[in-house]
PDB file of N, CA and C in Angstrom:
ATOM      1  N   MET A   1      70.786  83.715 102.516  1.00  0.00           N
ATOM      2  CA  MET A   1      70.739  84.843 101.575  1.00  0.00           C
ATOM      3  C   MET A   1      71.663  84.656 100.363  1.00  0.00           C
ATOM      4  N   SER A   2      72.641  83.784 100.455  1.00  0.00           N
ATOM      5  CA  SER A   2      73.635  83.584  99.500  1.00  0.00           C
ATOM      6  C   SER A   2      72.934  83.029  98.253  1.00  0.00           C
ATOM      7  N   LYS A   3      73.085  83.699  97.146  1.00  0.00           N
ATOM      8  CA  LYS A   3      72.580  83.244  95.892  1.00  0.00           C
ATOM      9  C   LYS A   3      73.704  83.247  94.873  1.00  0.00           C
ATOM     10  N   THR A   4      73.465  82.446  93.807  1.00  0.00           N
ATOM     11  CA  THR A   4      74.387  82.480  92.684  1.00  0.00           C
ATOM     12  C   THR A   4      73.665  82.778  91.412  1.00  0.00           C
ATOM     13  N   THR A   5      74.354  83.274  90.474  1.00  0.00           N
ATOM     14  CA  THR A   5      73.803  83.529  89.134  1.00  0.00           C
ATOM     15  C   THR A   5      73.745  82.247  88.402  1.00  0.00           C
ATOM     16  N   GLU A   6      73.129  82.278  87.187  1.00  0.00           N
ATOM     17  CA  GLU A   6      73.113  81.054  86.418  1.00  0.00           C
ATOM     18  C   GLU A   6      74.497  80.524  86.039  1.00  0.00           C
ATOM     19  N   SER A   7      75.458  81.384  85.946  1.00  0.00           N
ATOM     20  CA  SER A   7      76.779  80.966  85.617  1.00  0.00           C
ATOM     21  C   SER A   7      77.562  80.394  86.811  1.00  0.00           C
ATOM     22  N   GLY A   8      76.843  80.503  87.932  1.00  0.00           N
ATOM     23  CA  GLY A   8      77.527  79.926  89.205  1.00  0.00           C
ATOM     24  C   GLY A   8      78.302  80.928  89.999  1.00  0.00           C
ATOM     25  N   SER A   9      78.449  82.181  89.449  1.00  0.00           N
ATOM     26  CA  SER A   9      79.191  83.173  90.177  1.00  0.00           C
ATOM     27  C   SER A   9      78.360  83.745  91.268  1.00  0.00           C
ATOM     28  N   PRO A  10      78.977  84.472  92.276  1.00  0.00           N
ATOM     29  CA  PRO A  10      78.179  84.994  93.357  1.00  0.00           C
ATOM     30  C   PRO A  10      77.167  86.058  92.866  1.00  0.00           C
ATOM     31  N   HIS A  11      76.054  86.191  93.434  1.00  0.00           N
ATOM     32  CA  HIS A  11      75.045  87.120  93.078  1.00  0.00           C
ATOM     33  C   HIS A  11      75.568  88.528  93.339  1.00  0.00           C
ATOM     34  N   PRO A  12      75.258  89.634  92.565  1.00  0.00           N
ATOM     35  CA  PRO A  12      75.768  90.910  92.823  1.00  0.00           C
ATOM     36  C   PRO A  12      75.343  91.432  94.175  1.00  0.00           C
ATOM     37  N   LEU A  13      74.197  91.033  94.762  1.00  0.00           N
ATOM     38  CA  LEU A  13      73.820  91.489  96.002  1.00  0.00           C
ATOM     39  C   LEU A  13      74.701  90.973  97.108  1.00  0.00           C
ATOM     40  N   ASP A  14      75.122  89.737  96.947  1.00  0.00           N
ATOM     41  CA  ASP A  14      76.127  89.180  97.938  1.00  0.00           C
ATOM     42  C   ASP A  14      77.461  89.910  97.809  1.00  0.00           C
ATOM     43  N   ILE A  15      77.909  90.160  96.623  1.00  0.00           N
ATOM     44  CA  ILE A  15      79.181  90.927  96.488  1.00  0.00           C
ATOM     45  C   ILE A  15      79.077  92.352  97.157  1.00  0.00           C
ATOM     46  N   SER A  16      78.046  93.002  96.876  1.00  0.00           N
ATOM     47  CA  SER A  16      77.834  94.326  97.454  1.00  0.00           C
ATOM     48  C   SER A  16      77.788  94.337  98.937  1.00  0.00           C
ATOM     49  N   LEU A  17      77.008  93.397  99.467  1.00  0.00           N
ATOM     50  CA  LEU A  17      76.832  93.255 100.931  1.00  0.00           C
ATOM     51  C   LEU A  17      78.153  92.911 101.584  1.00  0.00           C
ATOM     52  N   GLY A  18      78.905  92.021 100.987  1.00  0.00           N
ATOM     53  CA  GLY A  18      80.216  91.672 101.522  1.00  0.00           C
ATOM     54  C   GLY A  18      81.166  92.916 101.505  1.00  0.00           C
ATOM     55  N   SER A  19      81.127  93.665 100.477  1.00  0.00           N
ATOM     56  CA  SER A  19      81.961  94.894 100.423  1.00  0.00           C
ATOM     57  C   SER A  19      81.662  95.877 101.438  1.00  0.00           C
ATOM     58  N   ARG A  20      80.409  96.085 101.674  1.00  0.00           N
ATOM     59  CA  ARG A  20      79.896  97.049 102.729  1.00  0.00           C
ATOM     60  C   ARG A  20      80.377  96.598 104.134  1.00  0.00           C
ATOM     61  N   ILE A  21      80.209  95.292 104.377  1.00  0.00           N
ATOM     62  CA  ILE A  21      80.620  94.784 105.675  1.00  0.00           C
ATOM     63  C   ILE A  21      82.103  94.886 105.828  1.00  0.00           C
ATOM     64  N   ARG A  22      82.852  94.648 104.755  1.00  0.00           N
ATOM     65  CA  ARG A  22      84.309  94.662 104.913  1.00  0.00           C
ATOM     66  C   ARG A  22      84.796  96.096 105.087  1.00  0.00           C
ATOM     67  N   LEU A  23      84.197  97.115 104.435  1.00  0.00           N
ATOM     68  CA  LEU A  23      84.604  98.511 104.627  1.00  0.00           C
ATOM     69  C   LEU A  23      84.277  98.907 106.098  1.00  0.00           C
ATOM     70  N   ARG A  24      83.084  98.613 106.592  1.00  0.00           N
ATOM     71  CA  ARG A  24      82.667  99.104 107.967  1.00  0.00           C
ATOM     72  C   ARG A  24      83.612  98.340 108.967  1.00  0.00           C
ATOM     73  N   ARG A  25      83.873  97.074 108.780  1.00  0.00           N
ATOM     74  CA  ARG A  25      84.746  96.339 109.645  1.00  0.00           C
ATOM     75  C   ARG A  25      86.102  96.948 109.712  1.00  0.00           C
ATOM     76  N   ARG A  26      86.688  97.274 108.618  1.00  0.00           N
ATOM     77  CA  ARG A  26      88.026  97.871 108.489  1.00  0.00           C
ATOM     78  C   ARG A  26      88.008  99.266 109.214  1.00  0.00           C
ATOM     79  N   GLU A  27      86.935 100.038 108.951  1.00  0.00           N
ATOM     80  CA  GLU A  27      86.821 101.413 109.624  1.00  0.00           C
ATOM     81  C   GLU A  27      86.961 101.210 111.181  1.00  0.00           C
ATOM     82  N   LEU A  28      86.333 100.157 111.709  1.00  0.00           N
ATOM     83  CA  LEU A  28      86.375 100.045 113.206  1.00  0.00           C
ATOM     84  C   LEU A  28      87.536  99.161 113.697  1.00  0.00           C
ATOM     85  N   GLY A  29      88.334  98.721 112.775  1.00  0.00           N
ATOM     86  CA  GLY A  29      89.451  97.924 113.183  1.00  0.00           C
ATOM     87  C   GLY A  29      89.215  96.531 113.618  1.00  0.00           C
ATOM     88  N   PHE A  30      88.151  95.932 113.145  1.00  0.00           N
ATOM     89  CA  PHE A  30      87.821  94.579 113.501  1.00  0.00           C
ATOM     90  C   PHE A  30      88.432  93.517 112.558  1.00  0.00           C
ATOM     91  N   SER A  31      88.824  92.416 113.086  1.00  0.00           N
ATOM     92  CA  SER A  31      89.229  91.252 112.176  1.00  0.00           C
ATOM     93  C   SER A  31      87.909  90.501 111.860  1.00  0.00           C
ATOM     94  N   GLN A  32      88.067  89.633 110.941  1.00  0.00           N
ATOM     95  CA  GLN A  32      86.907  88.817 110.558  1.00  0.00           C
ATOM     96  C   GLN A  32      86.441  87.937 111.755  1.00  0.00           C
ATOM     97  N   GLU A  33      87.415  87.518 112.550  1.00  0.00           N
ATOM     98  CA  GLU A  33      87.135  86.681 113.697  1.00  0.00           C
ATOM     99  C   GLU A  33      86.380  87.413 114.806  1.00  0.00           C
ATOM    100  N   GLN A  34      86.577  88.656 114.916  1.00  0.00           N
ATOM    101  CA  GLN A  34      85.874  89.474 115.924  1.00  0.00           C
ATOM    102  C   GLN A  34      84.456  89.964 115.474  1.00  0.00           C
ATOM    103  N   LEU A  35      84.108  89.708 114.266  1.00  0.00           N
ATOM    104  CA  LEU A  35      82.923  90.259 113.733  1.00  0.00           C
ATOM    105  C   LEU A  35      81.641  89.604 114.196  1.00  0.00           C
ATOM    106  N   GLU A  36      80.747  90.447 114.653  1.00  0.00           N
ATOM    107  CA  GLU A  36      79.355  89.943 114.905  1.00  0.00           C
ATOM    108  C   GLU A  36      78.392  90.878 114.135  1.00  0.00           C
ATOM    109  N   ILE A  37      78.675  91.002 112.965  1.00  0.00           N
ATOM    110  CA  ILE A  37      77.955  91.874 111.924  1.00  0.00           C
ATOM    111  C   ILE A  37      77.419  93.166 112.563  1.00  0.00           C
ATOM    112  N   ALA A  38      76.117  93.464 112.467  1.00  0.00           N
ATOM    113  CA  ALA A  38      75.567  94.745 112.822  1.00  0.00           C
ATOM    114  C   ALA A  38      75.896  95.147 114.210  1.00  0.00           C
ATOM    115  N   GLN A  39      75.791  94.243 115.245  1.00  0.00           N
ATOM    116  CA  GLN A  39      76.068  94.623 116.579  1.00  0.00           C
ATOM    117  C   GLN A  39      77.600  95.164 116.797  1.00  0.00           C
ATOM    118  N   ALA A  40      78.476  94.349 116.227  1.00  0.00           N
ATOM    119  CA  ALA A  40      79.840  94.737 116.382  1.00  0.00           C
ATOM    120  C   ALA A  40      80.166  96.038 115.548  1.00  0.00           C
ATOM    121  N   LEU A  41      79.477  96.132 114.388  1.00  0.00           N
ATOM    122  CA  LEU A  41      79.674  97.402 113.597  1.00  0.00           C
ATOM    123  C   LEU A  41      78.979  98.605 114.083  1.00  0.00           C
ATOM    124  N   LYS A  42      78.213  98.412 115.213  1.00  0.00           N
ATOM    125  CA  LYS A  42      77.395  99.526 115.805  1.00  0.00           C
ATOM    126  C   LYS A  42      76.602 100.243 114.803  1.00  0.00           C
ATOM    127  N   CYS A  43      75.884  99.506 114.031  1.00  0.00           N
ATOM    128  CA  CYS A  43      74.943 100.108 113.054  1.00  0.00           C
ATOM    129  C   CYS A  43      73.740  99.187 112.844  1.00  0.00           C
ATOM    130  N   GLY A  44      72.819  99.629 112.169  1.00  0.00           N
ATOM    131  CA  GLY A  44      71.637  98.860 111.935  1.00  0.00           C
ATOM    132  C   GLY A  44      71.814  98.055 110.610  1.00  0.00           C
ATOM    133  N   ILE A  45      70.966  97.061 110.419  1.00  0.00           N
ATOM    134  CA  ILE A  45      71.011  96.221 109.172  1.00  0.00           C
ATOM    135  C   ILE A  45      70.838  97.106 107.936  1.00  0.00           C
ATOM    136  N   VAL A  46      70.040  98.145 108.089  1.00  0.00           N
ATOM    137  CA  VAL A  46      69.802  98.977 106.903  1.00  0.00           C
ATOM    138  C   VAL A  46      71.098  99.681 106.436  1.00  0.00           C
ATOM    139  N   ASP A  47      71.975 100.010 107.420  1.00  0.00           N
ATOM    140  CA  ASP A  47      73.219 100.652 107.135  1.00  0.00           C
ATOM    141  C   ASP A  47      74.100  99.717 106.314  1.00  0.00           C
ATOM    142  N   ILE A  48      73.997  98.375 106.512  1.00  0.00           N
ATOM    143  CA  ILE A  48      74.738  97.436 105.832  1.00  0.00           C
ATOM    144  C   ILE A  48      74.168  97.098 104.475  1.00  0.00           C
ATOM    145  N   VAL A  49      72.835  96.820 104.486  1.00  0.00           N
ATOM    146  CA  VAL A  49      72.091  96.335 103.323  1.00  0.00           C
ATOM    147  C   VAL A  49      71.685  97.521 102.420  1.00  0.00           C
ATOM    148  N   GLY A  50      71.245  98.561 103.072  1.00  0.00           N
ATOM    149  CA  GLY A  50      70.735  99.793 102.377  1.00  0.00           C
ATOM    150  C   GLY A  50      69.647  99.344 101.371  1.00  0.00           C
ATOM    151  N   ASP A  51      69.877  99.924 100.133  1.00  0.00           N
ATOM    152  CA  ASP A  51      68.997  99.591  99.058  1.00  0.00           C
ATOM    153  C   ASP A  51      69.532  98.598  98.050  1.00  0.00           C
ATOM    154  N   LEU A  52      70.409  97.619  98.553  1.00  0.00           N
ATOM    155  CA  LEU A  52      71.055  96.698  97.665  1.00  0.00           C
ATOM    156  C   LEU A  52      70.138  95.821  96.887  1.00  0.00           C
ATOM    157  N   ASP A  53      68.942  95.588  97.502  1.00  0.00           N
ATOM    158  CA  ASP A  53      67.941  94.724  96.772  1.00  0.00           C
ATOM    159  C   ASP A  53      67.230  95.368  95.637  1.00  0.00           C
ATOM    160  N   GLN A  54      67.507  96.609  95.339  1.00  0.00           N
ATOM    161  CA  GLN A  54      66.905  97.301  94.288  1.00  0.00           C
ATOM    162  C   GLN A  54      67.775  97.151  93.096  1.00  0.00           C
ATOM    163  N   SER A  55      67.263  96.678  91.956  1.00  0.00           N
ATOM    164  CA  SER A  55      68.062  96.364  90.832  1.00  0.00           C
ATOM    165  C   SER A  55      68.486  97.627  90.014  1.00  0.00           C
ATOM    166  N   LYS A  56      67.750  98.721  90.191  1.00  0.00           N
ATOM    167  CA  LYS A  56      68.046  99.927  89.415  1.00  0.00           C
ATOM    168  C   LYS A  56      69.427 100.560  89.793  1.00  0.00           C
ATOM    169  N   GLY A  57      70.318 100.563  88.839  1.00  0.00           N
ATOM    170  CA  GLY A  57      71.679 101.057  89.043  1.00  0.00           C
ATOM    171  C   GLY A  57      72.494 100.284  89.882  1.00  0.00           C
ATOM    172  N   GLY A  58      72.284  98.999  90.039  1.00  0.00           N
ATOM    173  CA  GLY A  58      73.100  98.161  90.961  1.00  0.00           C
ATOM    174  C   GLY A  58      74.537  97.899  90.514  1.00  0.00           C
ATOM    175  N   GLU A  59      74.751  97.777  89.150  1.00  0.00           N
ATOM    176  CA  GLU A  59      76.090  97.377  88.701  1.00  0.00           C
ATOM    177  C   GLU A  59      77.101  98.465  88.985  1.00  0.00           C
ATOM    178  N   PRO A  60      76.786  99.802  88.733  1.00  0.00           N
ATOM    179  CA  PRO A  60      77.846 100.762  89.053  1.00  0.00           C
ATOM    180  C   PRO A  60      78.084 100.837  90.497  1.00  0.00           C
ATOM    181  N   PHE A  61      77.059 100.688  91.337  1.00  0.00           N
ATOM    182  CA  PHE A  61      77.203 100.721  92.744  1.00  0.00           C
ATOM    183  C   PHE A  61      78.134  99.533  93.251  1.00  0.00           C
ATOM    184  N   SER A  62      77.812  98.319  92.758  1.00  0.00           N
ATOM    185  CA  SER A  62      78.674  97.212  93.099  1.00  0.00           C
ATOM    186  C   SER A  62      80.089  97.355  92.759  1.00  0.00           C
ATOM    187  N   ARG A  63      80.327  98.006  91.577  1.00  0.00           N
ATOM    188  CA  ARG A  63      81.674  98.352  91.063  1.00  0.00           C
ATOM    189  C   ARG A  63      82.456  99.264  92.097  1.00  0.00           C
ATOM    190  N   HIS A  64      81.710 100.271  92.503  1.00  0.00           N
ATOM    191  CA  HIS A  64      82.254 101.367  93.396  1.00  0.00           C
ATOM    192  C   HIS A  64      82.516 100.716  94.703  1.00  0.00           C
ATOM    193  N   MET A  65      81.615  99.818  95.244  1.00  0.00           N
ATOM    194  CA  MET A  65      81.798  99.230  96.477  1.00  0.00           C
ATOM    195  C   MET A  65      83.032  98.259  96.491  1.00  0.00           C
ATOM    196  N   ALA A  66      83.162  97.592  95.361  1.00  0.00           N
ATOM    197  CA  ALA A  66      84.264  96.644  95.213  1.00  0.00           C
ATOM    198  C   ALA A  66      85.615  97.450  95.159  1.00  0.00           C
ATOM    199  N   SER A  67      85.554  98.580  94.477  1.00  0.00           N
ATOM    200  CA  SER A  67      86.780  99.434  94.435  1.00  0.00           C
ATOM    201  C   SER A  67      87.118 100.035  95.780  1.00  0.00           C
ATOM    202  N   LEU A  68      86.194 100.330  96.598  1.00  0.00           N
ATOM    203  CA  LEU A  68      86.416 100.814  97.950  1.00  0.00           C
ATOM    204  C   LEU A  68      86.973  99.739  98.856  1.00  0.00           C
ATOM    205  N   SER A  69      86.825  98.477  98.568  1.00  0.00           N
ATOM    206  CA  SER A  69      87.369  97.430  99.370  1.00  0.00           C
ATOM    207  C   SER A  69      88.811  97.162  99.021  1.00  0.00           C
ATOM    208  N   GLU A  70      89.326  97.778  97.954  1.00  0.00           N
ATOM    209  CA  GLU A  70      90.817  97.542  97.675  1.00  0.00           C
ATOM    210  C   GLU A  70      91.681  98.092  98.781  1.00  0.00           C
ATOM    211  N   PRO A  71      92.769  97.423  99.054  1.00  0.00           N
ATOM    212  CA  PRO A  71      93.639  97.970 100.115  1.00  0.00           C
ATOM    213  C   PRO A  71      94.091  99.441  99.854  1.00  0.00           C
ATOM    214  N   GLY A  72      93.931 100.304 100.896  1.00  0.00           N
ATOM    215  CA  GLY A  72      94.300 101.674 100.771  1.00  0.00           C
ATOM    216  C   GLY A  72      93.266 102.622 100.207  1.00  0.00           C
ATOM    217  N   ALA A  73      92.171 102.058  99.652  1.00  0.00           N
ATOM    218  CA  ALA A  73      91.211 102.874  98.968  1.00  0.00           C
ATOM    219  C   ALA A  73      90.454 103.736  99.997  1.00  0.00           C
ATOM    220  N   ALA A  74      90.053 103.249 101.124  1.00  0.00           N
ATOM    221  CA  ALA A  74      89.359 104.073 102.172  1.00  0.00           C
ATOM    222  C   ALA A  74      90.234 105.225 102.687  1.00  0.00           C
ATOM    223  N   GLU A  75      91.521 104.831 102.924  1.00  0.00           N
ATOM    224  CA  GLU A  75      92.514 105.882 103.409  1.00  0.00           C
ATOM    225  C   GLU A  75      92.699 106.992 102.353  1.00  0.00           C
ATOM    226  N   LEU A  76      92.779 106.514 101.026  1.00  0.00           N
ATOM    227  CA  LEU A  76      92.897 107.525 100.010  1.00  0.00           C
ATOM    228  C   LEU A  76      91.674 108.452  99.945  1.00  0.00           C
ATOM    229  N   LEU A  77      90.470 107.881 100.036  1.00  0.00           N
ATOM    230  CA  LEU A  77      89.229 108.654 100.009  1.00  0.00           C
ATOM    231  C   LEU A  77      89.311 109.583 101.262  1.00  0.00           C
ATOM    232  N   ASP A  78      89.631 109.216 102.379  1.00  0.00           N
ATOM    233  CA  ASP A  78      89.729 110.079 103.590  1.00  0.00           C
ATOM    234  C   ASP A  78      90.613 111.206 103.394  1.00  0.00           C
ATOM    235  N   ALA A  79      91.832 110.898 102.870  1.00  0.00           N
ATOM    236  CA  ALA A  79      92.843 111.900 102.575  1.00  0.00           C
ATOM    237  C   ALA A  79      92.283 112.941 101.558  1.00  0.00           C
ATOM    238  N   TYR A  80      91.678 112.406 100.500  1.00  0.00           N
ATOM    239  CA  TYR A  80      91.199 113.328  99.496  1.00  0.00           C
ATOM    240  C   TYR A  80      90.113 114.199  99.999  1.00  0.00           C
ATOM    241  N   ALA A  81      89.241 113.683 100.840  1.00  0.00           N
ATOM    242  CA  ALA A  81      88.157 114.458 101.431  1.00  0.00           C
ATOM    243  C   ALA A  81      88.652 115.540 102.373  1.00  0.00           C
ATOM    244  N   SER A  82      89.832 115.274 102.983  1.00  0.00           N
ATOM    245  CA  SER A  82      90.412 116.366 103.911  1.00  0.00           C
ATOM    246  C   SER A  82      91.109 117.485 103.132  1.00  0.00           C
ATOM    247  N   ILE A  83      91.222 117.366 101.832  1.00  0.00           N
ATOM    248  CA  ILE A  83      91.892 118.470 101.069  1.00  0.00           C
ATOM    249  C   ILE A  83      90.877 119.493 100.782  1.00  0.00           C
ATOM    250  N   SER A  84      91.096 120.686 101.240  1.00  0.00           N
ATOM    251  CA  SER A  84      90.079 121.714 101.083  1.00  0.00           C
ATOM    252  C   SER A  84      90.163 122.486  99.743  1.00  0.00           C
ATOM    253  N   SER A  85      91.315 122.476  99.082  1.00  0.00           N
ATOM    254  CA  SER A  85      91.587 123.155  97.806  1.00  0.00           C
ATOM    255  C   SER A  85      90.988 122.370  96.645  1.00  0.00           C
ATOM    256  N   PRO A  86      89.996 122.932  95.924  1.00  0.00           N
ATOM    257  CA  PRO A  86      89.550 122.279  94.764  1.00  0.00           C
ATOM    258  C   PRO A  86      90.695 122.066  93.659  1.00  0.00           C
ATOM    259  N   LYS A  87      91.620 122.988  93.632  1.00  0.00           N
ATOM    260  CA  LYS A  87      92.725 122.894  92.675  1.00  0.00           C
ATOM    261  C   LYS A  87      93.593 121.654  93.072  1.00  0.00           C
ATOM    262  N   HIS A  88      93.868 121.430  94.378  1.00  0.00           N
ATOM    263  CA  HIS A  88      94.667 120.340  94.824  1.00  0.00           C
ATOM    264  C   HIS A  88      93.870 118.991  94.641  1.00  0.00           C
ATOM    265  N   ARG A  89      92.572 119.041  94.834  1.00  0.00           N
ATOM    266  CA  ARG A  89      91.837 117.775  94.597  1.00  0.00           C
ATOM    267  C   ARG A  89      91.833 117.366  93.179  1.00  0.00           C
ATOM    268  N   ARG A  90      91.725 118.377  92.272  1.00  0.00           N
ATOM    269  CA  ARG A  90      91.773 118.169  90.832  1.00  0.00           C
ATOM    270  C   ARG A  90      93.084 117.542  90.460  1.00  0.00           C
ATOM    271  N   ALA A  91      94.195 118.118  90.983  1.00  0.00           N
ATOM    272  CA  ALA A  91      95.573 117.591  90.740  1.00  0.00           C
ATOM    273  C   ALA A  91      95.680 116.107  91.212  1.00  0.00           C
ATOM    274  N   ILE A  92      95.128 115.811  92.373  1.00  0.00           N
ATOM    275  CA  ILE A  92      95.254 114.398  92.870  1.00  0.00           C
ATOM    276  C   ILE A  92      94.413 113.460  91.920  1.00  0.00           C
ATOM    277  N   LEU A  93      93.245 113.938  91.534  1.00  0.00           N
ATOM    278  CA  LEU A  93      92.460 113.191  90.595  1.00  0.00           C
ATOM    279  C   LEU A  93      93.075 112.916  89.267  1.00  0.00           C
ATOM    280  N   ASN A  94      93.680 113.937  88.708  1.00  0.00           N
ATOM    281  CA  ASN A  94      94.415 113.848  87.529  1.00  0.00           C
ATOM    282  C   ASN A  94      95.561 112.890  87.497  1.00  0.00           C
ATOM    283  N   LEU A  95      96.340 113.018  88.610  1.00  0.00           N
ATOM    284  CA  LEU A  95      97.490 112.077  88.830  1.00  0.00           C
ATOM    285  C   LEU A  95      97.060 110.684  88.899  1.00  0.00           C
ATOM    286  N   ALA A  96      95.987 110.407  89.682  1.00  0.00           N
ATOM    287  CA  ALA A  96      95.465 108.998  89.782  1.00  0.00           C
ATOM    288  C   ALA A  96      94.918 108.513  88.429  1.00  0.00           C
ATOM    289  N   LYS A  97      94.347 109.296  87.650  1.00  0.00           N
ATOM    290  CA  LYS A  97      93.846 108.929  86.349  1.00  0.00           C
ATOM    291  C   LYS A  97      95.031 108.540  85.395  1.00  0.00           C
ATOM    292  N   GLN A  98      96.094 109.366  85.536  1.00  0.00           N
ATOM    293  CA  GLN A  98      97.244 109.099  84.677  1.00  0.00           C
ATOM    294  C   GLN A  98      97.959 107.868  85.085  1.00  0.00           C
ATOM    295  N   LEU A  99      98.041 107.661  86.426  1.00  0.00           N
ATOM    296  CA  LEU A  99      98.670 106.487  86.954  1.00  0.00           C
ATOM    297  C   LEU A  99      97.829 105.170  86.487  1.00  0.00           C
ATOM    298  N   ALA A 100      96.478 105.307  86.492  1.00  0.00           N
ATOM    299  CA  ALA A 100      95.673 104.188  86.092  1.00  0.00           C
ATOM    300  C   ALA A 100      95.850 103.890  84.618  1.00  0.00           C
ATOM    301  N   GLU A 101      96.087 104.900  83.835  1.00  0.00           N
ATOM    302  CA  GLU A 101      96.272 104.716  82.359  1.00  0.00           C
ATOM    303  C   GLU A 101      97.683 104.450  82.031  1.00  0.00           C
ATOM    304  N   GLY A 102      98.538 104.412  82.911  1.00  0.00           N
ATOM    305  CA  GLY A 102      99.981 104.097  82.686  1.00  0.00           C
ATOM    306  C   GLY A 102     100.702 105.290  82.022  1.00  0.00           C
ATOM    307  N   LYS A 103     100.132 106.443  82.097  1.00  0.00           N
ATOM    308  CA  LYS A 103     100.816 107.559  81.469  1.00  0.00           C
ATOM    309  C   LYS A 103     101.663 108.431  82.448  1.00  0.00           C
ATOM    310  N   ALA A 104     101.698 108.091  83.679  1.00  0.00           N
ATOM    311  CA  ALA A 104     102.397 108.870  84.659  1.00  0.00           C
ATOM    312  C   ALA A 104     103.895 108.505  84.834  1.00  0.00           C
ATOM    313  N   THR A 105     104.393 107.541  84.046  1.00  0.00           N
ATOM    314  CA  THR A 105     105.842 107.204  84.304  1.00  0.00           C
ATOM    315  C   THR A 105     106.735 108.340  84.057  1.00  0.00           C
ATOM    316  N   GLU A 106     106.418 109.260  83.199  1.00  0.00           N
ATOM    317  CA  GLU A 106     107.240 110.374  82.932  1.00  0.00           C
ATOM    318  C   GLU A 106     107.186 111.290  84.142  1.00  0.00           C
ATOM    319  N   LEU A 107     106.127 111.453  84.758  1.00  0.00           N
ATOM    320  CA  LEU A 107     105.923 112.351  85.958  1.00  0.00           C
ATOM    321  C   LEU A 107     106.779 111.705  87.044  1.00  0.00           C
ATOM    322  N   LEU A 108     106.649 110.426  87.221  1.00  0.00           N
ATOM    323  CA  LEU A 108     107.331 109.750  88.339  1.00  0.00           C
ATOM    324  C   LEU A 108     108.884 109.794  88.104  1.00  0.00           C
ATOM    325  N   ALA A 109     109.324 109.661  86.942  1.00  0.00           N
ATOM    326  CA  ALA A 109     110.785 109.757  86.600  1.00  0.00           C
ATOM    327  C   ALA A 109     111.306 111.082  86.932  1.00  0.00           C
ATOM    328  N   VAL A 110     110.605 112.139  86.674  1.00  0.00           N
ATOM    329  CA  VAL A 110     111.044 113.479  86.916  1.00  0.00           C
ATOM    330  C   VAL A 110     111.229 113.721  88.405  1.00  0.00           C
ATOM    331  N   ASN A 111     110.349 113.153  89.251  1.00  0.00           N
ATOM    332  CA  ASN A 111     110.361 113.411  90.668  1.00  0.00           C
ATOM    333  C   ASN A 111     111.381 112.537  91.398  1.00  0.00           C
ATOM    334  N   GLU A 112     112.055 111.648  90.768  1.00  0.00           N
ATOM    335  CA  GLU A 112     112.926 110.742  91.336  1.00  0.00           C
ATOM    336  C   GLU A 112     114.367 111.321  91.542  1.00  0.00           C
TER     337      GLU A 112
END
């Protein structure tokens, strides 16, 4: 199934599939050595592949899947989802945006 683009880089489908497998593997605490794909992940192939073969809107999806594979991203999302207050969720989102833009140094200096 491995494909490459004309430039020789991995096909977006392969990148997205790899990201989904990595997320599910980490959720279950499996190392790459322990992995037997769908059987080990206790899910069906469709759970891993989903609609990845459809080109409509694939780029944003691939970008989000790649972001979720960053260290700590799944834990951050779990923590965010457990916050019941919309005001607190908004505050976390605003802080994350400021940190991403490099504008939060003033906020961090005040709290030290």
